[in-house]
Every structure is written in structure tokens, then in C-alpha cells.
N, C-alpha and C. Protein backbone atom coordinates (compact mmCIF):
# COMPACT_ATOMS: atom_id res chain seq x y z
N MET A 1 0.84 -1.18 0.00
CA MET A 1 0.00 0.00 0.00
C MET A 1 0.89 1.24 0.00
N ASP A 2 0.47 2.25 -0.74
CA ASP A 2 1.20 3.52 -0.78
C ASP A 2 1.01 4.25 0.54
N SER A 3 1.91 5.18 0.82
CA SER A 3 1.79 6.02 2.00
C SER A 3 0.50 6.83 1.91
N LEU A 4 -0.09 7.09 3.06
CA LEU A 4 -1.33 7.84 3.13
C LEU A 4 -1.07 9.21 3.75
N THR A 5 -1.84 10.20 3.33
CA THR A 5 -1.78 11.50 4.00
C THR A 5 -2.52 11.38 5.33
N MET A 6 -2.32 12.36 6.19
CA MET A 6 -3.03 12.36 7.48
C MET A 6 -4.54 12.38 7.24
N LYS A 7 -4.99 13.17 6.28
CA LYS A 7 -6.43 13.24 5.97
C LYS A 7 -6.94 11.88 5.51
N GLU A 8 -6.15 11.19 4.69
CA GLU A 8 -6.57 9.86 4.22
C GLU A 8 -6.62 8.86 5.37
N VAL A 9 -5.67 8.95 6.28
CA VAL A 9 -5.67 8.07 7.45
C VAL A 9 -6.94 8.32 8.27
N GLN A 10 -7.23 9.58 8.53
CA GLN A 10 -8.42 9.90 9.30
C GLN A 10 -9.69 9.45 8.60
N ALA A 11 -9.75 9.63 7.28
CA ALA A 11 -10.93 9.22 6.52
C ALA A 11 -11.09 7.70 6.53
N ARG A 12 -9.99 6.99 6.41
CA ARG A 12 -10.07 5.52 6.39
C ARG A 12 -10.56 4.97 7.73
N VAL A 13 -10.05 5.54 8.84
CA VAL A 13 -10.50 5.11 10.16
C VAL A 13 -11.98 5.47 10.32
N ASP A 14 -12.37 6.66 9.88
CA ASP A 14 -13.77 7.08 10.00
C ASP A 14 -14.69 6.17 9.20
N GLU A 15 -14.25 5.79 8.01
CA GLU A 15 -15.04 4.87 7.18
C GLU A 15 -15.22 3.53 7.90
N TYR A 16 -14.17 3.05 8.53
CA TYR A 16 -14.25 1.78 9.26
C TYR A 16 -15.20 1.90 10.46
N ILE A 17 -15.00 2.94 11.28
CA ILE A 17 -15.80 3.09 12.49
C ILE A 17 -17.26 3.37 12.17
N SER A 18 -17.51 4.09 11.08
CA SER A 18 -18.88 4.49 10.72
C SER A 18 -19.79 3.34 10.36
N GLN A 19 -19.26 2.18 10.12
CA GLN A 19 -20.10 1.03 9.77
C GLN A 19 -20.73 0.38 11.01
N PHE A 20 -20.35 0.84 12.21
CA PHE A 20 -20.85 0.24 13.44
C PHE A 20 -21.76 1.20 14.19
N GLU A 21 -22.86 0.68 14.72
CA GLU A 21 -23.81 1.48 15.50
C GLU A 21 -23.14 2.20 16.66
N GLU A 22 -22.18 1.54 17.30
CA GLU A 22 -21.56 2.11 18.49
C GLU A 22 -20.71 3.34 18.18
N GLY A 23 -20.18 3.43 16.98
CA GLY A 23 -19.34 4.56 16.61
C GLY A 23 -18.07 4.62 17.45
N TYR A 24 -17.57 5.83 17.62
CA TYR A 24 -16.33 6.01 18.39
C TYR A 24 -16.61 5.85 19.88
N PHE A 25 -15.64 5.27 20.59
CA PHE A 25 -15.71 5.24 22.04
C PHE A 25 -15.53 6.67 22.56
N ASP A 26 -15.97 6.90 23.80
CA ASP A 26 -15.78 8.22 24.40
C ASP A 26 -14.30 8.43 24.72
N PRO A 27 -13.88 9.70 24.87
CA PRO A 27 -12.46 9.99 25.11
C PRO A 27 -11.84 9.22 26.29
N PRO A 28 -12.49 9.12 27.46
CA PRO A 28 -11.84 8.35 28.52
C PRO A 28 -11.56 6.90 28.14
N THR A 29 -12.49 6.28 27.45
CA THR A 29 -12.30 4.89 27.01
C THR A 29 -11.16 4.79 26.01
N LEU A 30 -11.09 5.75 25.10
CA LEU A 30 -10.00 5.74 24.12
C LEU A 30 -8.64 5.93 24.79
N VAL A 31 -8.57 6.79 25.79
CA VAL A 31 -7.30 7.00 26.50
C VAL A 31 -6.91 5.74 27.27
N ILE A 32 -7.88 5.06 27.86
CA ILE A 32 -7.59 3.79 28.55
C ILE A 32 -7.06 2.77 27.55
N ARG A 33 -7.70 2.69 26.38
CA ARG A 33 -7.21 1.78 25.34
C ARG A 33 -5.82 2.16 24.88
N LEU A 34 -5.56 3.46 24.77
CA LEU A 34 -4.23 3.95 24.39
C LEU A 34 -3.19 3.49 25.40
N CYS A 35 -3.51 3.58 26.68
CA CYS A 35 -2.59 3.12 27.73
C CYS A 35 -2.33 1.61 27.61
N GLU A 36 -3.37 0.85 27.33
CA GLU A 36 -3.21 -0.60 27.15
C GLU A 36 -2.27 -0.89 25.99
N GLU A 37 -2.48 -0.21 24.87
CA GLU A 37 -1.63 -0.43 23.70
C GLU A 37 -0.20 0.03 23.95
N LEU A 38 -0.03 1.13 24.66
CA LEU A 38 1.30 1.61 24.99
C LEU A 38 2.03 0.59 25.87
N GLY A 39 1.29 -0.04 26.77
CA GLY A 39 1.88 -1.10 27.59
C GLY A 39 2.35 -2.27 26.75
N GLU A 40 1.59 -2.63 25.73
CA GLU A 40 1.98 -3.72 24.85
C GLU A 40 3.24 -3.35 24.06
N LEU A 41 3.33 -2.09 23.62
CA LEU A 41 4.54 -1.63 22.93
C LEU A 41 5.73 -1.64 23.89
N ALA A 42 5.51 -1.17 25.11
CA ALA A 42 6.59 -1.15 26.10
C ALA A 42 7.12 -2.57 26.37
N ARG A 43 6.22 -3.53 26.40
CA ARG A 43 6.63 -4.92 26.61
C ARG A 43 7.51 -5.40 25.46
N GLU A 44 7.13 -5.07 24.23
CA GLU A 44 7.94 -5.46 23.07
C GLU A 44 9.30 -4.79 23.09
N VAL A 45 9.33 -3.51 23.42
CA VAL A 45 10.61 -2.78 23.48
C VAL A 45 11.49 -3.42 24.55
N SER A 46 10.89 -3.72 25.67
CA SER A 46 11.65 -4.36 26.76
C SER A 46 12.21 -5.71 26.33
N HIS A 47 11.40 -6.49 25.65
CA HIS A 47 11.85 -7.81 25.21
C HIS A 47 12.94 -7.73 24.16
N GLN A 48 12.82 -6.77 23.26
CA GLN A 48 13.79 -6.68 22.16
C GLN A 48 15.07 -5.94 22.55
N PHE A 49 14.96 -4.94 23.42
CA PHE A 49 16.11 -4.08 23.69
C PHE A 49 16.51 -4.02 25.16
N GLY A 50 15.65 -4.47 26.03
CA GLY A 50 15.91 -4.36 27.45
C GLY A 50 16.44 -5.65 28.04
N PRO A 51 16.60 -5.66 29.35
CA PRO A 51 17.18 -6.83 30.02
C PRO A 51 16.20 -7.99 30.16
N LYS A 52 14.88 -7.71 30.07
CA LYS A 52 13.89 -8.77 30.26
C LYS A 52 13.56 -9.42 28.92
N LYS A 53 14.11 -10.57 28.68
CA LYS A 53 13.86 -11.28 27.42
C LYS A 53 12.62 -12.15 27.55
N LYS A 54 12.09 -12.56 26.42
CA LYS A 54 10.91 -13.42 26.41
C LYS A 54 11.21 -14.78 27.02
N LYS A 55 10.15 -15.36 27.54
CA LYS A 55 10.27 -16.71 28.09
C LYS A 55 10.41 -17.69 26.93
N PRO A 56 11.07 -18.82 27.15
CA PRO A 56 11.16 -19.84 26.09
C PRO A 56 9.76 -20.24 25.62
N GLY A 57 9.59 -20.27 24.32
CA GLY A 57 8.31 -20.66 23.74
C GLY A 57 7.31 -19.52 23.62
N GLU A 58 7.62 -18.35 24.18
CA GLU A 58 6.71 -17.21 24.08
C GLU A 58 6.77 -16.64 22.67
N ALA A 59 5.62 -16.37 22.08
CA ALA A 59 5.55 -15.89 20.70
C ALA A 59 6.21 -14.53 20.54
N ASP A 60 6.84 -14.33 19.40
CA ASP A 60 7.42 -13.02 19.09
C ASP A 60 6.31 -12.01 18.88
N GLY A 61 6.52 -10.80 19.34
CA GLY A 61 5.58 -9.72 19.09
C GLY A 61 6.00 -8.93 17.87
N ASP A 62 5.24 -7.92 17.55
CA ASP A 62 5.52 -7.11 16.38
C ASP A 62 5.42 -5.64 16.78
N MET A 63 6.57 -4.99 16.94
CA MET A 63 6.57 -3.59 17.35
C MET A 63 5.81 -2.71 16.38
N GLU A 64 5.92 -2.98 15.09
CA GLU A 64 5.23 -2.15 14.11
C GLU A 64 3.72 -2.22 14.30
N LEU A 65 3.20 -3.42 14.55
CA LEU A 65 1.76 -3.56 14.77
C LEU A 65 1.33 -2.86 16.05
N GLU A 66 2.16 -2.91 17.07
CA GLU A 66 1.83 -2.21 18.33
C GLU A 66 1.79 -0.70 18.09
N ILE A 67 2.74 -0.19 17.32
CA ILE A 67 2.73 1.24 16.97
C ILE A 67 1.47 1.55 16.16
N GLY A 68 1.12 0.66 15.24
CA GLY A 68 -0.10 0.83 14.46
C GLY A 68 -1.35 0.88 15.33
N ASP A 69 -1.40 0.04 16.35
CA ASP A 69 -2.55 0.06 17.28
C ASP A 69 -2.64 1.40 17.99
N ILE A 70 -1.49 1.93 18.41
CA ILE A 70 -1.46 3.24 19.07
C ILE A 70 -1.94 4.32 18.11
N LEU A 71 -1.45 4.27 16.87
CA LEU A 71 -1.86 5.25 15.87
C LEU A 71 -3.37 5.18 15.64
N PHE A 72 -3.91 3.98 15.53
CA PHE A 72 -5.35 3.81 15.31
C PHE A 72 -6.15 4.46 16.44
N ILE A 73 -5.75 4.21 17.67
CA ILE A 73 -6.48 4.78 18.80
C ILE A 73 -6.37 6.30 18.80
N LEU A 74 -5.17 6.83 18.50
CA LEU A 74 -5.01 8.29 18.45
C LEU A 74 -5.88 8.90 17.34
N VAL A 75 -5.96 8.22 16.20
CA VAL A 75 -6.81 8.72 15.11
C VAL A 75 -8.27 8.67 15.53
N CYS A 76 -8.66 7.61 16.22
CA CYS A 76 -10.04 7.54 16.73
C CYS A 76 -10.34 8.70 17.67
N LEU A 77 -9.40 9.01 18.55
CA LEU A 77 -9.59 10.11 19.48
C LEU A 77 -9.72 11.44 18.72
N CYS A 78 -8.83 11.65 17.76
CA CYS A 78 -8.89 12.88 16.96
C CYS A 78 -10.20 12.98 16.20
N ASN A 79 -10.58 11.91 15.54
CA ASN A 79 -11.81 11.92 14.77
C ASN A 79 -13.03 12.17 15.66
N SER A 80 -13.05 11.54 16.82
CA SER A 80 -14.21 11.69 17.70
C SER A 80 -14.35 13.12 18.21
N ARG A 81 -13.25 13.87 18.22
CA ARG A 81 -13.27 15.26 18.70
C ARG A 81 -13.26 16.27 17.56
N GLY A 82 -13.16 15.77 16.31
CA GLY A 82 -13.14 16.68 15.16
C GLY A 82 -11.80 17.37 14.96
N TYR A 83 -10.73 16.77 15.46
CA TYR A 83 -9.39 17.34 15.33
C TYR A 83 -8.77 16.94 14.00
N ASP A 84 -7.97 17.83 13.44
CA ASP A 84 -7.26 17.59 12.19
C ASP A 84 -5.82 17.18 12.52
N LEU A 85 -5.48 15.93 12.24
CA LEU A 85 -4.14 15.42 12.55
C LEU A 85 -3.04 16.21 11.85
N GLY A 86 -3.29 16.62 10.62
CA GLY A 86 -2.29 17.40 9.90
C GLY A 86 -2.00 18.71 10.60
N ASP A 87 -3.04 19.38 11.07
CA ASP A 87 -2.87 20.62 11.80
C ASP A 87 -2.17 20.37 13.14
N ILE A 88 -2.56 19.32 13.82
CA ILE A 88 -1.92 18.97 15.10
C ILE A 88 -0.43 18.73 14.88
N PHE A 89 -0.09 17.96 13.85
CA PHE A 89 1.31 17.66 13.58
C PHE A 89 2.09 18.92 13.22
N ARG A 90 1.50 19.77 12.38
CA ARG A 90 2.16 21.01 11.97
C ARG A 90 2.45 21.89 13.19
N ARG A 91 1.45 22.06 14.06
CA ARG A 91 1.64 22.90 15.25
C ARG A 91 2.66 22.30 16.20
N THR A 92 2.66 20.98 16.32
CA THR A 92 3.62 20.31 17.20
C THR A 92 5.03 20.48 16.69
N MET A 93 5.24 20.29 15.38
CA MET A 93 6.58 20.46 14.81
C MET A 93 7.06 21.90 14.96
N GLU A 94 6.17 22.86 14.75
CA GLU A 94 6.55 24.26 14.94
C GLU A 94 7.01 24.50 16.37
N LYS A 95 6.33 23.90 17.33
CA LYS A 95 6.71 24.04 18.73
C LYS A 95 8.12 23.50 18.96
N TYR A 96 8.38 22.30 18.47
CA TYR A 96 9.71 21.70 18.65
C TYR A 96 10.79 22.47 17.90
N GLU A 97 10.47 22.88 16.69
CA GLU A 97 11.46 23.58 15.87
C GLU A 97 11.85 24.93 16.48
N VAL A 98 10.95 25.56 17.18
CA VAL A 98 11.25 26.84 17.83
C VAL A 98 11.86 26.60 19.21
N ARG A 99 11.20 25.82 20.01
CA ARG A 99 11.64 25.62 21.40
C ARG A 99 13.00 24.94 21.49
N ASP A 100 13.22 23.95 20.65
CA ASP A 100 14.43 23.13 20.76
C ASP A 100 15.45 23.40 19.65
N LYS A 101 15.34 24.53 18.95
CA LYS A 101 16.21 24.77 17.79
C LYS A 101 17.69 24.78 18.14
N ASP A 102 18.04 25.17 19.36
CA ASP A 102 19.44 25.20 19.76
C ASP A 102 19.76 24.22 20.89
N ARG A 103 18.87 23.30 21.12
CA ARG A 103 19.03 22.37 22.25
C ARG A 103 20.02 21.25 21.97
N TRP A 104 20.08 20.79 20.74
CA TRP A 104 20.89 19.63 20.38
C TRP A 104 22.02 20.03 19.45
N THR A 105 23.05 19.21 19.40
CA THR A 105 24.19 19.46 18.53
C THR A 105 23.81 19.10 17.09
N ARG A 106 23.92 20.08 16.23
CA ARG A 106 23.56 19.86 14.82
C ARG A 106 24.66 19.06 14.13
N LYS A 107 24.24 18.23 13.18
CA LYS A 107 25.20 17.49 12.35
C LYS A 107 25.89 18.47 11.41
N LYS A 108 27.16 18.19 11.15
CA LYS A 108 27.90 19.00 10.18
C LYS A 108 27.59 18.48 8.78
N ASN A 109 27.37 19.37 7.86
CA ASN A 109 27.04 18.95 6.47
C ASN A 109 28.28 18.70 5.68
């Protein structure tokens, strides 16, 4: 699949959620689900890079899918509140680019 724009991601999630009577979960439920998914990602990071390795016979996880689950929940939260992910990302990058412009050592070209 080709890369999607933020608007396309939001539209695709909305198309999926819109087929169900229940629609989007409320924000507190989505944040709880986000915490659950973040815990699953943390477990994978710990197993792959940390001191706690998987038990013998324990199935391998997939960090990319865990990140995807987090993204899905964040898109659901944005969609349920009418937020534009592209605008959120733009404003966030502007914040970092201004606030942290001299914080780190720049690479020499």
C-alpha cells in the first residue's frame, strides 16, 4: 500500500468506524485503550532491547503492529473530537522547531 496522508488516514478510520452502530468510544475509554496499547509496545521494546527477554516458547511480538494500534487509537480520538491530525502535527513540529532549535548538537554537512 502507498503512504497515506493524514487526511486519508483519518478518513479511512472514520469509514471503518462508521459502519458500526456504536461509533467512536468516548475519550476516557480511548485513552484507557491507548494506555493498554502503549503497555503492549513497552513490553515489546523491553523484550527486544531491554534486560527482560521473552520466556522460552513465548511468541514473538511485532513492534510495528503495536505502533499501528497506538496510531489507530489516536486517530479515533482525533476523529471523535473533530481534530485535524495534519494541523496537530504542523503545530507540534513548529513548537519543537522553535523551542528546541538550539538544544541539540547539529550534524555537520
